[in-house]
Amino acid sequence: MANLFHSALVDTAEHHAMLRESVGRLVGGFGRRYFQDVVRRKEKPVELWRALGQAGFLGVHISEVYGGGGSGLADYNVIVEEAAAQGCPILSLVIGSICAPIIEQHGDEALKRAWLPGLASGERRLAFAITEPDAGTNTHKISTVARPRAGGGWLLKGQKYWTSAVDEVDAILVVARGETLDARGRGALSLFIIPANAKGIEKTPIETALHVPEAQFTLHFDDVEIPADGLIGVEGQGLRQLFAGLNPERVCAAAINNGIARYALEKGATYANERTVWSTPIGAHQGVAHPLAKAYVAVQQARLMTARAAELYDQRSDAAGEAANMAKFAAADASLEALDQAIQTHGGNGLALEYGLADLWFVARLHKTAPVSREMILNFIAQHSLGLPKSY
């Protein structure tokens, strides 16, 4: 049994190494300069997205019967991280980690056939709308309402914000509640897919400090019509259905930060080896070397936690939630430390865009706040892992 277990570990490691090499070669062919140029011109990395889809990388976590690779989140984690490690942190990959599992685990057969093959190939895109100005991370306080419409279907009214890439997608996966509230003022949640160009949707861009191709939007829904087949799964079961996508979201947010950290440390170490002051590479000085080494340790710990979280999710383990939250927390902190030390190692050059580091700062910083804040993660760990009283 021990030998079989060892063999399985070796096979997985070899598979991920080959996958990482393939992704690195593909994305590296585009590289950091390509990504920076797309962002500078306020365009989209269409060529890179198409290449990822044609290579089968966008759908590795989707079942083969629906056109995917049939492997799982563990492989998708490798892909998301490696893309970022090549200087291309693609936030849309995180959206793919949310929407596809929700549809596959909770949608009916018609919905799966309609969406999953296109999501796997990259030919179809979905946005994910959950956050609201007055609800924040408290999903129970969502105020966007889907009320029954005469003749069938629903009418959607409300507001979402910080919804990514709405200008790039075919439709939006929206989290809404029913009209009836329980004694605690909560409405049963449902998940809907509505066309991005549906009548009654107003999209207002949000100006951000993020140097990424994905634009952020505030969405206003004014009695947007949802047909009966726009519902995912069972009406009123949306809260349970969400967890099919929220844990992968945390894993993939961590993966982006782990990739950014790897990119930063590689740049920092290379510069420390090549930059010479008084005939000595600056990397020979402990004042430069030790901070980079310390950051490397933290990054490797975060990567291990992220890989473990993905593995637990694929196993449908109840421990996946705890691991995914810890991975996101660890990766956010580790990537910022790595990026800061890489910038510091470069001196003034660290702030020059041509070195490709400074404009990664807010992307990395994003994941200390999103998709769930570090404070809410600590609340979760305190309550569910340590058994402490609920604090909120």
Protein backbone atom coordinates (compact mmCIF):
# COMPACT_ATOMS: atom_id res chain seq x y z
CA MET A 1 0.00 0.00 0.00
CA ALA A 2 2.84 2.37 0.89
CA ASN A 3 4.48 1.75 -2.48
CA LEU A 4 1.21 2.44 -4.31
CA PHE A 5 0.80 5.69 -2.36
CA HIS A 6 4.35 6.73 -3.16
CA SER A 7 3.79 5.94 -6.84
CA ALA A 8 0.64 8.05 -6.92
CA LEU A 9 2.50 11.00 -5.38
CA VAL A 10 5.32 10.67 -7.93
CA ASP A 11 2.85 10.46 -10.81
CA THR A 12 1.02 13.57 -9.62
CA ALA A 13 4.25 15.50 -9.16
CA GLU A 14 5.48 14.53 -12.62
CA HIS A 15 2.14 15.38 -14.20
CA HIS A 16 2.08 18.81 -12.55
CA ALA A 17 5.69 19.45 -13.54
CA MET A 18 4.89 18.72 -17.19
CA LEU A 19 1.71 20.79 -16.99
CA ARG A 20 3.61 23.69 -15.46
CA GLU A 21 6.24 23.49 -18.18
CA SER A 22 3.61 23.48 -20.93
CA VAL A 23 1.73 26.45 -19.49
CA GLY A 24 4.95 28.33 -18.85
CA ARG A 25 6.09 27.82 -22.41
CA LEU A 26 2.76 28.99 -23.84
CA VAL A 27 2.22 32.02 -21.59
CA GLY A 28 5.93 32.87 -21.56
CA GLY A 29 5.70 33.21 -25.34
CA PHE A 30 3.49 36.22 -24.65
CA GLY A 31 5.20 37.38 -21.45
CA ARG A 32 5.08 40.33 -19.10
CA ARG A 33 5.69 42.98 -21.78
CA TYR A 34 2.73 41.73 -23.81
CA PHE A 35 0.48 41.84 -20.74
CA GLN A 36 1.65 45.31 -19.76
CA ASP A 37 1.08 46.58 -23.28
CA VAL A 38 -2.47 45.21 -23.38
CA VAL A 39 -3.26 46.94 -20.09
CA ARG A 40 -1.63 50.20 -21.20
CA ARG A 41 -3.73 50.27 -24.36
CA LYS A 42 -6.86 49.35 -22.36
CA GLU A 43 -7.40 46.31 -24.51
CA LYS A 44 -7.88 42.61 -23.73
CA PRO A 45 -5.40 39.71 -23.98
CA VAL A 46 -7.54 38.06 -26.65
CA GLU A 47 -4.67 36.18 -28.28
CA LEU A 48 -3.48 34.76 -24.95
CA TRP A 49 -6.99 33.74 -23.89
CA ARG A 50 -7.57 32.04 -27.24
CA ALA A 51 -4.26 30.19 -26.99
CA LEU A 52 -5.07 28.96 -23.46
CA GLY A 53 -8.44 27.72 -24.67
CA GLN A 54 -7.04 25.95 -27.73
CA ALA A 55 -4.45 24.23 -25.53
CA GLY A 56 -7.20 22.94 -23.24
CA PHE A 57 -5.99 24.85 -20.20
CA LEU A 58 -9.19 26.82 -19.54
CA GLY A 59 -11.30 23.72 -18.97
CA VAL A 60 -9.09 21.22 -17.17
CA HIS A 61 -11.44 21.36 -14.16
CA ILE A 62 -14.53 20.63 -16.29
CA SER A 63 -15.65 17.05 -16.96
CA GLU A 64 -14.59 15.47 -20.24
CA VAL A 65 -18.21 14.77 -21.17
CA TYR A 66 -18.69 18.55 -21.38
CA GLY A 67 -15.53 19.24 -23.32
CA GLY A 68 -13.13 19.75 -20.43
CA GLY A 69 -10.02 17.96 -19.26
CA GLY A 70 -11.73 16.08 -16.44
CA SER A 71 -8.87 16.53 -13.99
CA GLY A 72 -9.91 19.05 -11.34
CA LEU A 73 -8.92 22.09 -9.34
CA ALA A 74 -5.43 20.74 -8.55
CA ASP A 75 -4.49 21.05 -12.22
CA TYR A 76 -6.30 24.37 -12.63
CA ASN A 77 -4.32 25.75 -9.68
CA VAL A 78 -1.09 24.94 -11.53
CA ILE A 79 -2.33 26.71 -14.67
CA VAL A 80 -3.50 29.87 -12.89
CA GLU A 81 -0.27 30.12 -10.89
CA GLU A 82 2.02 29.49 -13.83
CA ALA A 83 0.30 32.11 -15.98
CA ALA A 84 0.90 34.68 -13.23
CA ALA A 85 4.47 33.46 -12.77
CA GLN A 86 5.08 34.38 -16.42
CA GLY A 87 3.97 37.94 -15.63
CA CYS A 88 0.34 37.49 -16.74
CA PRO A 89 -1.99 37.47 -13.71
CA ILE A 90 -5.35 36.76 -15.39
CA LEU A 91 -8.23 37.54 -13.04
CA SER A 92 -10.70 36.02 -15.51
CA LEU A 93 -9.25 32.62 -14.66
CA VAL A 94 -10.57 33.10 -11.14
CA ILE A 95 -14.05 33.75 -12.54
CA GLY A 96 -13.76 30.49 -14.46
CA SER A 97 -13.05 28.68 -11.22
CA ILE A 98 -16.37 29.93 -9.79
CA CYS A 99 -18.90 29.63 -12.59
CA ALA A 100 -18.01 26.29 -14.18
CA PRO A 101 -18.18 24.21 -10.95
CA ILE A 102 -21.48 25.84 -9.94
CA ILE A 103 -23.05 24.99 -13.30
CA GLU A 104 -21.59 21.49 -13.42
CA GLN A 105 -22.61 20.57 -9.88
CA HIS A 106 -26.01 22.26 -9.76
CA GLY A 107 -27.26 23.07 -13.26
CA ASP A 108 -29.61 20.84 -15.20
CA GLU A 109 -28.37 18.92 -18.23
CA ALA A 110 -29.54 21.55 -20.71
CA LEU A 111 -27.68 24.30 -18.85
CA LYS A 112 -24.51 22.20 -18.67
CA ARG A 113 -24.64 21.48 -22.39
CA ALA A 114 -25.31 25.13 -23.14
CA TRP A 115 -22.40 26.55 -21.15
CA LEU A 116 -19.68 24.11 -20.12
CA PRO A 117 -18.20 23.27 -23.56
CA GLY A 118 -17.90 26.98 -24.38
CA LEU A 119 -16.36 27.78 -20.99
CA ALA A 120 -13.88 24.94 -21.46
CA SER A 121 -12.78 26.19 -24.88
CA GLY A 122 -12.82 29.86 -23.92
CA GLU A 123 -15.33 30.64 -26.65
CA ARG A 124 -17.96 31.61 -24.07
CA ARG A 125 -17.48 33.75 -20.99
CA LEU A 126 -19.40 34.44 -17.79
CA ALA A 127 -19.09 37.18 -15.18
CA PHE A 128 -19.99 36.59 -11.53
CA ALA A 129 -22.10 39.17 -9.68
CA ILE A 130 -22.46 38.73 -5.92
CA THR A 131 -20.99 41.77 -4.10
CA GLU A 132 -23.28 44.66 -3.18
CA PRO A 133 -22.54 48.08 -1.68
CA ASP A 134 -24.56 47.44 1.48
CA ALA A 135 -23.90 43.72 1.89
CA GLY A 136 -20.14 43.36 1.44
CA THR A 137 -19.07 39.92 2.62
CA ASN A 138 -22.42 39.34 4.35
CA THR A 139 -24.15 37.36 1.62
CA HIS A 140 -27.25 37.00 3.81
CA LYS A 141 -27.88 40.74 3.39
CA ILE A 142 -28.08 40.70 -0.40
CA SER A 143 -30.86 43.03 -1.52
CA THR A 144 -31.00 42.28 -5.25
CA VAL A 145 -34.41 40.64 -5.67
CA ALA A 146 -35.74 38.21 -8.26
CA ARG A 147 -39.52 38.26 -8.12
CA PRO A 148 -41.82 35.96 -10.12
CA ARG A 149 -42.98 37.32 -13.46
CA ALA A 150 -46.43 36.77 -14.92
CA GLY A 151 -46.18 34.02 -17.50
CA GLY A 152 -43.06 32.48 -15.98
CA GLY A 153 -39.53 33.46 -15.13
CA TRP A 154 -38.48 36.37 -12.92
CA LEU A 155 -37.81 40.09 -12.87
CA LEU A 156 -34.45 41.11 -11.42
CA LYS A 157 -34.06 44.40 -9.57
CA GLY A 158 -31.10 45.65 -7.56
CA GLN A 159 -27.45 46.56 -7.68
CA LYS A 160 -24.07 44.80 -7.72
CA TYR A 161 -20.61 46.23 -7.71
CA TRP A 162 -17.01 45.14 -8.23
CA THR A 163 -18.24 42.81 -10.94
CA SER A 164 -15.30 41.97 -13.18
CA ALA A 165 -15.02 41.77 -16.97
CA VAL A 166 -18.69 42.46 -17.75
CA ASP A 167 -17.56 44.06 -21.01
CA GLU A 168 -15.98 40.77 -22.14
CA VAL A 169 -18.63 38.19 -21.36
CA ASP A 170 -21.71 36.62 -22.91
CA ALA A 171 -23.73 36.47 -19.69
CA ILE A 172 -23.64 37.17 -15.97
CA LEU A 173 -24.14 34.67 -13.17
CA VAL A 174 -26.11 36.70 -10.63
CA VAL A 175 -26.82 35.93 -6.98
CA ALA A 176 -30.26 37.23 -5.95
CA ARG A 177 -32.79 36.63 -3.19
CA GLY A 178 -36.51 36.00 -3.17
CA GLU A 179 -39.10 38.55 -2.09
CA THR A 180 -40.02 36.84 1.19
CA LEU A 181 -37.76 37.44 4.21
CA ASP A 182 -37.44 35.17 7.23
CA ALA A 183 -37.51 36.27 10.87
CA ARG A 184 -33.87 37.38 10.65
CA GLY A 185 -34.51 39.49 7.57
CA ARG A 186 -32.89 37.04 5.16
CA GLY A 187 -34.22 35.99 1.78
CA ALA A 188 -33.57 32.60 0.21
CA LEU A 189 -30.86 32.94 -2.45
CA SER A 190 -31.03 31.73 -6.02
CA LEU A 191 -28.51 31.77 -8.86
CA PHE A 192 -29.41 33.00 -12.34
CA ILE A 193 -27.69 33.38 -15.70
CA ILE A 194 -28.74 36.45 -17.67
CA PRO A 195 -27.38 37.77 -20.98
CA ALA A 196 -24.85 40.57 -20.49
CA ASN A 197 -26.73 42.71 -23.00
CA ALA A 198 -30.19 42.11 -21.49
CA LYS A 199 -32.54 45.07 -21.46
CA GLY A 200 -32.55 46.86 -18.12
CA ILE A 201 -28.88 46.37 -17.18
CA GLU A 202 -26.87 49.55 -16.64
CA LYS A 203 -23.09 49.10 -16.43
CA THR A 204 -20.95 51.79 -14.82
CA PRO A 205 -17.15 51.32 -14.90
CA ILE A 206 -15.24 51.72 -11.63
CA GLU A 207 -11.88 53.49 -11.83
CA THR A 208 -9.32 51.40 -10.00
CA ALA A 209 -5.58 51.25 -9.38
CA LEU A 210 -5.43 47.70 -10.76
CA HIS A 211 -3.13 47.20 -13.75
CA VAL A 212 -5.14 44.37 -15.26
CA PRO A 213 -7.20 43.97 -18.45
CA GLU A 214 -10.39 43.15 -16.54
CA ALA A 215 -12.49 46.25 -15.92
CA GLN A 216 -14.65 46.51 -12.79
CA PHE A 217 -18.27 47.58 -12.90
CA THR A 218 -21.24 48.66 -10.85
CA LEU A 219 -24.36 47.00 -12.23
CA HIS A 220 -27.93 48.27 -11.90
CA PHE A 221 -30.73 45.83 -12.71
CA ASP A 222 -34.04 47.51 -13.50
CA ASP A 223 -36.64 44.76 -13.88
CA VAL A 224 -34.39 42.64 -16.04
CA GLU A 225 -36.35 39.70 -17.43
CA ILE A 226 -35.02 36.24 -16.56
CA PRO A 227 -36.54 33.32 -18.47
CA ALA A 228 -37.44 30.12 -16.64
CA ASP A 229 -34.34 28.35 -17.98
CA GLY A 230 -32.09 31.06 -16.54
CA LEU A 231 -32.29 29.52 -13.07
CA ILE A 232 -29.39 27.34 -11.93
CA GLY A 233 -30.63 24.29 -10.05
CA VAL A 234 -33.38 24.75 -7.49
CA GLU A 235 -34.84 28.11 -6.55
CA GLY A 236 -33.96 29.13 -3.00
CA GLN A 237 -30.94 26.78 -2.77
CA GLY A 238 -28.40 29.34 -3.95
CA LEU A 239 -26.46 29.61 -0.69
CA ARG A 240 -25.61 25.91 -0.75
CA GLN A 241 -24.85 26.03 -4.47
CA LEU A 242 -22.43 28.94 -4.02
CA PHE A 243 -19.93 26.82 -2.12
CA ALA A 244 -19.25 24.84 -5.28
CA GLY A 245 -17.58 28.01 -6.58
CA LEU A 246 -16.41 30.03 -3.58
CA ASN A 247 -13.74 27.61 -2.37
CA PRO A 248 -12.23 27.31 -5.88
CA GLU A 249 -12.33 31.11 -6.06
CA ARG A 250 -10.18 31.34 -2.92
CA VAL A 251 -7.77 28.72 -4.26
CA CYS A 252 -7.36 30.51 -7.58
CA ALA A 253 -6.96 33.92 -5.96
CA ALA A 254 -4.15 32.35 -3.94
CA ALA A 255 -2.71 30.81 -7.12
CA ILE A 256 -2.51 34.22 -8.81
CA ASN A 257 -0.66 35.66 -5.82
CA ASN A 258 1.67 32.67 -5.64
CA GLY A 259 2.49 33.19 -9.32
CA ILE A 260 3.09 36.92 -8.82
CA ALA A 261 5.38 36.07 -5.91
CA ARG A 262 7.37 33.60 -8.00
CA TYR A 263 7.72 36.15 -10.78
CA ALA A 264 8.88 38.82 -8.33
CA LEU A 265 11.41 36.59 -6.58
CA GLU A 266 12.87 35.43 -9.87
CA LYS A 267 13.31 39.04 -10.97
CA GLY A 268 14.71 40.02 -7.58
CA ALA A 269 17.21 37.15 -7.47
CA THR A 270 18.34 37.77 -11.05
CA TYR A 271 18.91 41.46 -10.38
CA ALA A 272 20.74 40.71 -7.12
CA ASN A 273 23.09 38.41 -9.01
CA GLU A 274 23.71 40.80 -11.89
CA ARG A 275 23.79 44.17 -10.14
CA THR A 276 27.33 44.87 -8.97
CA VAL A 277 28.38 47.59 -6.52
CA TRP A 278 32.09 47.98 -5.62
CA SER A 279 32.89 44.84 -7.67
CA THR A 280 30.49 42.66 -5.63
CA PRO A 281 27.03 41.40 -6.63
CA ILE A 282 24.54 42.93 -4.24
CA GLY A 283 23.09 39.46 -3.63
CA ALA A 284 26.28 38.58 -1.73
CA HIS A 285 25.20 40.92 1.05
CA GLN A 286 22.95 39.41 3.70
CA GLY A 287 20.97 42.62 3.90
CA VAL A 288 19.76 41.88 0.36
CA ALA A 289 19.88 38.08 0.39
CA HIS A 290 18.10 37.35 3.67
CA PRO A 291 14.88 39.28 2.96
CA LEU A 292 14.57 37.54 -0.39
CA ALA A 293 15.24 34.15 1.20
CA LYS A 294 12.70 34.80 3.94
CA ALA A 295 10.10 35.81 1.35
CA TYR A 296 10.86 32.63 -0.60
CA VAL A 297 10.13 30.47 2.45
CA ALA A 298 6.75 32.17 2.97
CA VAL A 299 5.86 31.78 -0.71
CA GLN A 300 6.67 28.07 -0.71
CA GLN A 301 4.51 27.59 2.39
CA ALA A 302 1.62 29.39 0.69
CA ARG A 303 2.02 27.30 -2.45
CA LEU A 304 1.89 24.09 -0.45
CA MET A 305 -1.23 25.24 1.36
CA THR A 306 -2.86 26.19 -1.93
CA ALA A 307 -2.05 22.85 -3.56
CA ARG A 308 -3.44 21.07 -0.51
CA ALA A 309 -6.65 23.11 -0.63
CA ALA A 310 -7.15 22.24 -4.31
CA GLU A 311 -6.53 18.57 -3.57
CA LEU A 312 -9.06 18.56 -0.73
CA TYR A 313 -11.65 20.26 -2.93
CA ASP A 314 -11.19 17.62 -5.62
CA GLN A 315 -11.72 14.96 -2.95
CA ARG A 316 -14.96 16.70 -1.88
CA SER A 317 -13.51 16.93 1.62
CA ASP A 318 -15.20 19.02 4.31
CA ALA A 319 -11.73 20.36 5.14
CA ALA A 320 -11.50 22.15 1.78
CA GLY A 321 -13.11 25.33 3.12
CA GLU A 322 -10.62 25.76 5.93
CA ALA A 323 -7.67 25.02 3.64
CA ALA A 324 -8.88 27.34 0.87
CA ASN A 325 -9.30 30.22 3.29
CA MET A 326 -5.87 29.68 4.83
CA ALA A 327 -4.28 29.42 1.38
CA LYS A 328 -5.79 32.72 0.27
CA PHE A 329 -4.70 34.40 3.51
CA ALA A 330 -1.13 33.05 3.33
CA ALA A 331 -0.65 33.74 -0.37
CA ALA A 332 -1.78 37.35 -0.11
CA ASP A 333 0.69 38.12 2.67
CA ALA A 334 3.55 36.13 1.11
CA SER A 335 3.17 37.69 -2.32
CA LEU A 336 3.23 41.22 -0.95
CA GLU A 337 6.38 40.47 1.03
CA ALA A 338 8.03 38.91 -2.03
CA LEU A 339 7.00 41.78 -4.30
CA ASP A 340 8.13 44.40 -1.80
CA GLN A 341 11.55 42.78 -1.39
CA ALA A 342 11.97 42.40 -5.15
CA ILE A 343 11.15 46.08 -5.64
CA GLN A 344 13.53 47.05 -2.82
CA THR A 345 16.30 44.93 -4.35
CA HIS A 346 15.95 46.85 -7.60
CA GLY A 347 16.29 50.20 -5.81
CA GLY A 348 14.83 53.03 -7.86
CA ASN A 349 14.46 50.68 -10.83
CA GLY A 350 11.86 48.76 -8.86
CA LEU A 351 9.42 51.59 -9.49
CA ALA A 352 10.13 51.75 -13.23
CA LEU A 353 7.42 50.00 -15.23
CA GLU A 354 9.96 48.49 -17.60
CA TYR A 355 11.07 46.15 -14.79
CA GLY A 356 7.53 44.79 -14.50
CA LEU A 357 7.19 44.83 -10.71
CA ALA A 358 5.58 48.02 -9.43
CA ASP A 359 2.43 47.64 -11.51
CA LEU A 360 1.80 44.23 -9.91
CA TRP A 361 1.43 45.76 -6.46
CA PHE A 362 -2.29 46.47 -6.41
CA VAL A 363 -3.12 43.16 -8.11
CA ALA A 364 -1.36 41.36 -5.27
CA ARG A 365 -2.86 43.70 -2.67
CA LEU A 366 -6.35 43.03 -4.03
CA HIS A 367 -6.39 39.56 -2.55
CA LYS A 368 -5.90 40.73 1.00
CA THR A 369 -9.40 42.16 0.60
CA ALA A 370 -11.07 40.04 -2.09
CA PRO A 371 -12.71 37.63 -2.64
CA VAL A 372 -13.05 37.58 1.15
CA SER A 373 -11.25 39.89 3.55
CA ARG A 374 -8.46 38.69 5.80
CA GLU A 375 -10.56 39.69 8.81
CA MET A 376 -13.42 37.39 7.76
CA ILE A 377 -10.94 34.56 7.19
CA LEU A 378 -9.62 35.04 10.73
CA ASN A 379 -13.21 35.02 12.00
CA PHE A 380 -13.78 31.74 10.16
CA ILE A 381 -10.61 30.12 11.50
CA ALA A 382 -11.25 31.33 15.05
CA GLN A 383 -14.78 29.94 15.07
CA HIS A 384 -14.55 26.77 12.99
CA SER A 385 -10.94 25.69 13.48
CA LEU A 386 -10.33 26.81 17.06
CA GLY A 387 -13.87 26.53 18.41
CA LEU A 388 -13.95 30.10 19.69
CA PRO A 389 -17.24 32.01 20.11
CA LYS A 390 -18.63 33.70 17.02
CA SER A 391 -17.56 37.35 17.02
CA TYR A 392 -19.93 38.88 14.47
